[in-house]
Amino acid sequence: MTINEAQTLVDKWIKEYGVRYFNELTNMAMLTEEVGEVARIIARRYGEQSEKESDKNKNLADEMADVLFVLICLANQTGIDLEKALTKNINKKTQRDGTRHINNEKLK
């Protein structure tokens, strides 16, 4: 699935099942909440915090998909083509950081 196809799929889902998009501020709060859920899993599963029994059955992939879904909602609401935006962003990073990380002694 392309990013454009994902944006279309989310838009179709919202119109068929979600009634309408939540406003942008609500979606921003929801995005923050979903990112927090991803952070909680990673901190406990891969970081130094111990994982609670209730967290062990949390699905990291599903939580990441929740983040992506809400991010796509925000892009759709604000008229952003994420595929174009990501391509432009990668090009910017390549020009700006093309040798920065390769030459970083801390990464060797």
N, C-alpha and C. Protein backbone atom coordinates (compact mmCIF):
# COMPACT_ATOMS: atom_id res chain seq x y z
N MET A 1 0.85 -1.18 0.00
CA MET A 1 0.00 0.00 0.00
C MET A 1 0.89 1.24 0.00
N THR A 2 0.60 2.17 -0.89
CA THR A 2 1.34 3.43 -0.89
C THR A 2 0.80 4.34 0.21
N ILE A 3 1.52 5.38 0.48
CA ILE A 3 1.05 6.34 1.48
C ILE A 3 -0.23 7.02 0.98
N ASN A 4 -0.27 7.34 -0.30
CA ASN A 4 -1.49 7.94 -0.86
C ASN A 4 -2.69 7.00 -0.73
N GLU A 5 -2.46 5.72 -0.97
CA GLU A 5 -3.54 4.74 -0.81
C GLU A 5 -3.99 4.67 0.65
N ALA A 6 -3.03 4.76 1.58
CA ALA A 6 -3.38 4.75 3.01
C ALA A 6 -4.22 5.98 3.36
N GLN A 7 -3.85 7.13 2.81
CA GLN A 7 -4.64 8.34 3.08
C GLN A 7 -6.06 8.19 2.55
N THR A 8 -6.21 7.60 1.38
CA THR A 8 -7.53 7.38 0.80
C THR A 8 -8.32 6.37 1.64
N LEU A 9 -7.66 5.31 2.07
CA LEU A 9 -8.32 4.28 2.87
C LEU A 9 -8.82 4.84 4.21
N VAL A 10 -7.99 5.64 4.87
CA VAL A 10 -8.40 6.25 6.14
C VAL A 10 -9.57 7.19 5.92
N ASP A 11 -9.51 7.99 4.87
CA ASP A 11 -10.59 8.92 4.57
C ASP A 11 -11.91 8.17 4.33
N LYS A 12 -11.82 7.08 3.58
CA LYS A 12 -13.01 6.26 3.31
C LYS A 12 -13.55 5.68 4.62
N TRP A 13 -12.66 5.18 5.48
CA TRP A 13 -13.09 4.60 6.76
C TRP A 13 -13.79 5.65 7.62
N ILE A 14 -13.20 6.83 7.70
CA ILE A 14 -13.79 7.91 8.51
C ILE A 14 -15.20 8.22 8.00
N LYS A 15 -15.36 8.32 6.70
CA LYS A 15 -16.66 8.68 6.13
C LYS A 15 -17.68 7.56 6.28
N GLU A 16 -17.25 6.30 6.27
CA GLU A 16 -18.18 5.18 6.39
C GLU A 16 -18.48 4.80 7.83
N TYR A 17 -17.48 4.86 8.70
CA TYR A 17 -17.64 4.35 10.06
C TYR A 17 -17.43 5.40 11.14
N GLY A 18 -16.67 6.41 10.86
CA GLY A 18 -16.34 7.39 11.88
C GLY A 18 -17.25 8.60 11.90
N VAL A 19 -18.19 8.66 11.00
CA VAL A 19 -19.15 9.75 10.83
C VAL A 19 -18.45 10.99 10.26
N ARG A 20 -17.45 11.49 10.96
CA ARG A 20 -16.67 12.64 10.49
C ARG A 20 -15.34 12.63 11.23
N TYR A 21 -14.41 13.44 10.75
CA TYR A 21 -13.14 13.60 11.45
C TYR A 21 -13.38 14.35 12.75
N PHE A 22 -12.66 13.96 13.81
CA PHE A 22 -12.61 14.81 15.00
C PHE A 22 -11.87 16.07 14.59
N ASN A 23 -12.05 17.17 15.31
CA ASN A 23 -11.32 18.37 14.91
C ASN A 23 -9.82 18.17 15.12
N GLU A 24 -9.05 19.07 14.52
CA GLU A 24 -7.60 18.92 14.51
C GLU A 24 -7.00 18.91 15.92
N LEU A 25 -7.54 19.72 16.81
CA LEU A 25 -7.00 19.74 18.17
C LEU A 25 -7.27 18.43 18.89
N THR A 26 -8.45 17.87 18.70
CA THR A 26 -8.76 16.57 19.29
C THR A 26 -7.84 15.51 18.72
N ASN A 27 -7.64 15.51 17.41
CA ASN A 27 -6.75 14.53 16.80
C ASN A 27 -5.31 14.71 17.25
N MET A 28 -4.89 15.94 17.49
CA MET A 28 -3.53 16.16 17.99
C MET A 28 -3.38 15.56 19.38
N ALA A 29 -4.39 15.74 20.22
CA ALA A 29 -4.36 15.14 21.56
C ALA A 29 -4.35 13.62 21.45
N MET A 30 -5.15 13.09 20.53
CA MET A 30 -5.18 11.63 20.34
C MET A 30 -3.84 11.11 19.84
N LEU A 31 -3.19 11.86 18.95
CA LEU A 31 -1.88 11.45 18.45
C LEU A 31 -0.87 11.40 19.59
N THR A 32 -0.91 12.39 20.45
CA THR A 32 -0.01 12.42 21.60
C THR A 32 -0.26 11.21 22.50
N GLU A 33 -1.53 10.90 22.72
CA GLU A 33 -1.88 9.74 23.55
C GLU A 33 -1.36 8.44 22.93
N GLU A 34 -1.54 8.29 21.63
CA GLU A 34 -1.09 7.07 20.95
C GLU A 34 0.43 6.94 20.97
N VAL A 35 1.14 8.06 20.78
CA VAL A 35 2.60 8.03 20.85
C VAL A 35 3.04 7.63 22.26
N GLY A 36 2.31 8.12 23.26
CA GLY A 36 2.61 7.74 24.64
C GLY A 36 2.46 6.24 24.87
N GLU A 37 1.47 5.63 24.24
CA GLU A 37 1.29 4.18 24.37
C GLU A 37 2.44 3.42 23.74
N VAL A 38 2.93 3.90 22.60
CA VAL A 38 4.11 3.30 21.96
C VAL A 38 5.32 3.46 22.88
N ALA A 39 5.49 4.66 23.41
CA ALA A 39 6.63 4.93 24.30
C ALA A 39 6.60 4.03 25.52
N ARG A 40 5.42 3.82 26.08
CA ARG A 40 5.30 2.97 27.27
C ARG A 40 5.76 1.54 26.97
N ILE A 41 5.32 0.99 25.84
CA ILE A 41 5.73 -0.37 25.48
C ILE A 41 7.23 -0.44 25.28
N ILE A 42 7.78 0.51 24.53
CA ILE A 42 9.22 0.47 24.22
C ILE A 42 10.05 0.67 25.49
N ALA A 43 9.63 1.59 26.36
CA ALA A 43 10.38 1.83 27.60
C ALA A 43 10.43 0.58 28.46
N ARG A 44 9.35 -0.18 28.47
CA ARG A 44 9.29 -1.35 29.34
C ARG A 44 9.84 -2.61 28.67
N ARG A 45 9.63 -2.74 27.40
CA ARG A 45 10.06 -3.95 26.71
C ARG A 45 11.52 -3.88 26.25
N TYR A 46 11.96 -2.70 25.86
CA TYR A 46 13.33 -2.56 25.33
C TYR A 46 14.21 -1.67 26.20
N GLY A 47 13.60 -0.92 27.09
CA GLY A 47 14.35 -0.03 27.97
C GLY A 47 14.61 -0.67 29.31
N GLU A 48 14.91 0.15 30.27
CA GLU A 48 15.32 -0.34 31.58
C GLU A 48 14.17 -0.49 32.56
N GLN A 49 13.00 0.02 32.23
CA GLN A 49 11.86 -0.15 33.12
C GLN A 49 11.35 -1.58 33.06
N SER A 50 10.85 -2.07 34.18
CA SER A 50 10.28 -3.42 34.17
C SER A 50 8.89 -3.36 33.55
N GLU A 51 8.56 -4.43 32.86
CA GLU A 51 7.27 -4.49 32.18
C GLU A 51 6.23 -5.08 33.13
N LYS A 52 5.15 -4.33 33.32
CA LYS A 52 4.07 -4.82 34.17
C LYS A 52 3.37 -5.99 33.47
N GLU A 53 2.80 -6.85 34.26
CA GLU A 53 2.08 -8.00 33.69
C GLU A 53 0.99 -7.53 32.72
N SER A 54 0.32 -6.43 33.05
CA SER A 54 -0.76 -5.92 32.19
C SER A 54 -0.24 -5.34 30.88
N ASP A 55 1.06 -5.04 30.80
CA ASP A 55 1.64 -4.49 29.57
C ASP A 55 2.19 -5.57 28.64
N LYS A 56 2.38 -6.77 29.15
CA LYS A 56 3.04 -7.82 28.37
C LYS A 56 2.24 -8.27 27.15
N ASN A 57 0.93 -8.08 27.17
CA ASN A 57 0.13 -8.49 26.02
C ASN A 57 -0.15 -7.34 25.06
N LYS A 58 0.43 -6.18 25.32
CA LYS A 58 0.24 -5.03 24.42
C LYS A 58 0.98 -5.30 23.10
N ASN A 59 0.33 -4.94 22.00
CA ASN A 59 0.87 -5.20 20.68
C ASN A 59 1.50 -3.93 20.12
N LEU A 60 2.83 -3.91 20.03
CA LEU A 60 3.55 -2.72 19.57
C LEU A 60 3.15 -2.35 18.15
N ALA A 61 3.01 -3.33 17.27
CA ALA A 61 2.62 -3.04 15.88
C ALA A 61 1.26 -2.37 15.82
N ASP A 62 0.32 -2.84 16.62
CA ASP A 62 -1.02 -2.26 16.64
C ASP A 62 -0.97 -0.82 17.16
N GLU A 63 -0.17 -0.59 18.18
CA GLU A 63 -0.05 0.77 18.72
C GLU A 63 0.60 1.70 17.72
N MET A 64 1.61 1.22 16.99
CA MET A 64 2.23 2.04 15.94
C MET A 64 1.22 2.34 14.83
N ALA A 65 0.39 1.37 14.50
CA ALA A 65 -0.65 1.59 13.48
C ALA A 65 -1.64 2.65 13.95
N ASP A 66 -1.95 2.67 15.26
CA ASP A 66 -2.83 3.71 15.80
C ASP A 66 -2.21 5.09 15.59
N VAL A 67 -0.89 5.20 15.82
CA VAL A 67 -0.19 6.47 15.61
C VAL A 67 -0.31 6.88 14.15
N LEU A 68 -0.04 5.95 13.26
CA LEU A 68 -0.10 6.24 11.82
C LEU A 68 -1.50 6.64 11.39
N PHE A 69 -2.52 5.96 11.91
CA PHE A 69 -3.90 6.28 11.56
C PHE A 69 -4.23 7.73 11.92
N VAL A 70 -3.92 8.13 13.15
CA VAL A 70 -4.25 9.49 13.58
C VAL A 70 -3.41 10.52 12.82
N LEU A 71 -2.14 10.20 12.55
CA LEU A 71 -1.31 11.11 11.76
C LEU A 71 -1.90 11.30 10.36
N ILE A 72 -2.37 10.22 9.77
CA ILE A 72 -3.00 10.30 8.45
C ILE A 72 -4.28 11.14 8.53
N CYS A 73 -5.05 10.97 9.60
CA CYS A 73 -6.25 11.81 9.77
C CYS A 73 -5.87 13.28 9.75
N LEU A 74 -4.84 13.64 10.50
CA LEU A 74 -4.41 15.04 10.55
C LEU A 74 -3.93 15.53 9.18
N ALA A 75 -3.21 14.68 8.47
CA ALA A 75 -2.75 15.06 7.12
C ALA A 75 -3.94 15.28 6.20
N ASN A 76 -4.91 14.38 6.25
CA ASN A 76 -6.11 14.53 5.41
C ASN A 76 -6.85 15.82 5.74
N GLN A 77 -6.99 16.10 7.02
CA GLN A 77 -7.73 17.30 7.44
C GLN A 77 -7.04 18.59 7.02
N THR A 78 -5.74 18.57 6.98
CA THR A 78 -4.98 19.80 6.69
C THR A 78 -4.49 19.86 5.24
N GLY A 79 -4.93 18.90 4.42
CA GLY A 79 -4.61 18.94 2.99
C GLY A 79 -3.17 18.58 2.66
N ILE A 80 -2.53 17.77 3.49
CA ILE A 80 -1.14 17.40 3.25
C ILE A 80 -1.07 16.06 2.55
N ASP A 81 -0.34 16.00 1.47
CA ASP A 81 -0.04 14.76 0.77
C ASP A 81 1.22 14.20 1.44
N LEU A 82 1.03 13.21 2.29
CA LEU A 82 2.16 12.67 3.06
C LEU A 82 3.23 12.04 2.19
N GLU A 83 2.84 11.46 1.08
CA GLU A 83 3.83 10.85 0.18
C GLU A 83 4.78 11.92 -0.36
N LYS A 84 4.23 13.02 -0.83
CA LYS A 84 5.05 14.12 -1.32
C LYS A 84 5.86 14.74 -0.19
N ALA A 85 5.24 14.92 0.97
CA ALA A 85 5.92 15.52 2.10
C ALA A 85 7.10 14.67 2.56
N LEU A 86 6.91 13.34 2.60
CA LEU A 86 7.99 12.45 3.03
C LEU A 86 9.13 12.45 2.02
N THR A 87 8.80 12.42 0.74
CA THR A 87 9.84 12.47 -0.29
C THR A 87 10.65 13.75 -0.17
N LYS A 88 9.98 14.88 -0.02
CA LYS A 88 10.66 16.16 0.14
C LYS A 88 11.52 16.18 1.40
N ASN A 89 11.01 15.60 2.48
CA ASN A 89 11.73 15.57 3.74
C ASN A 89 12.99 14.72 3.65
N ILE A 90 12.89 13.56 2.99
CA ILE A 90 14.06 12.69 2.83
C ILE A 90 15.11 13.38 1.98
N ASN A 91 14.67 14.06 0.92
CA ASN A 91 15.62 14.81 0.09
C ASN A 91 16.32 15.89 0.90
N LYS A 92 15.58 16.59 1.74
CA LYS A 92 16.16 17.63 2.60
C LYS A 92 17.21 17.02 3.54
N LYS A 93 16.85 15.91 4.17
CA LYS A 93 17.77 15.25 5.10
C LYS A 93 19.02 14.76 4.38
N THR A 94 18.86 14.26 3.17
CA THR A 94 19.99 13.76 2.40
C THR A 94 20.95 14.90 2.08
N GLN A 95 20.42 16.03 1.65
CA GLN A 95 21.28 17.18 1.34
C GLN A 95 21.95 17.72 2.59
N ARG A 96 21.19 17.82 3.67
CA ARG A 96 21.70 18.42 4.90
C ARG A 96 22.63 17.47 5.65
N ASP A 97 22.28 16.19 5.68
CA ASP A 97 22.98 15.24 6.54
C ASP A 97 23.66 14.11 5.77
N GLY A 98 23.91 14.33 4.49
CA GLY A 98 24.45 13.27 3.64
C GLY A 98 25.72 12.62 4.17
N THR A 99 26.57 13.38 4.82
CA THR A 99 27.81 12.81 5.37
C THR A 99 27.91 12.96 6.88
N ARG A 100 26.99 13.68 7.47
CA ARG A 100 27.07 13.96 8.90
C ARG A 100 27.12 12.69 9.75
N HIS A 101 26.25 11.75 9.50
CA HIS A 101 26.20 10.54 10.32
C HIS A 101 27.32 9.57 9.96
N ILE A 102 27.67 9.51 8.69
CA ILE A 102 28.76 8.64 8.24
C ILE A 102 30.06 9.06 8.91
N ASN A 103 30.25 10.36 9.09
CA ASN A 103 31.48 10.87 9.68
C ASN A 103 31.42 11.03 11.20
N ASN A 104 30.34 10.61 11.81
CA ASN A 104 30.17 10.74 13.25
C ASN A 104 30.90 9.59 13.96
N GLU A 105 31.95 9.91 14.67
CA GLU A 105 32.74 8.89 15.37
C GLU A 105 31.91 8.16 16.43
N LYS A 106 30.90 8.80 16.98
CA LYS A 106 30.07 8.16 18.00
C LYS A 106 29.25 7.01 17.43
N LEU A 107 29.06 6.98 16.12
CA LEU A 107 28.23 5.95 15.48
C LEU A 107 29.05 4.78 14.96
N LYS A 108 30.36 4.86 15.10
CA LYS A 108 31.23 3.79 14.56
C LYS A 108 31.49 2.74 15.59
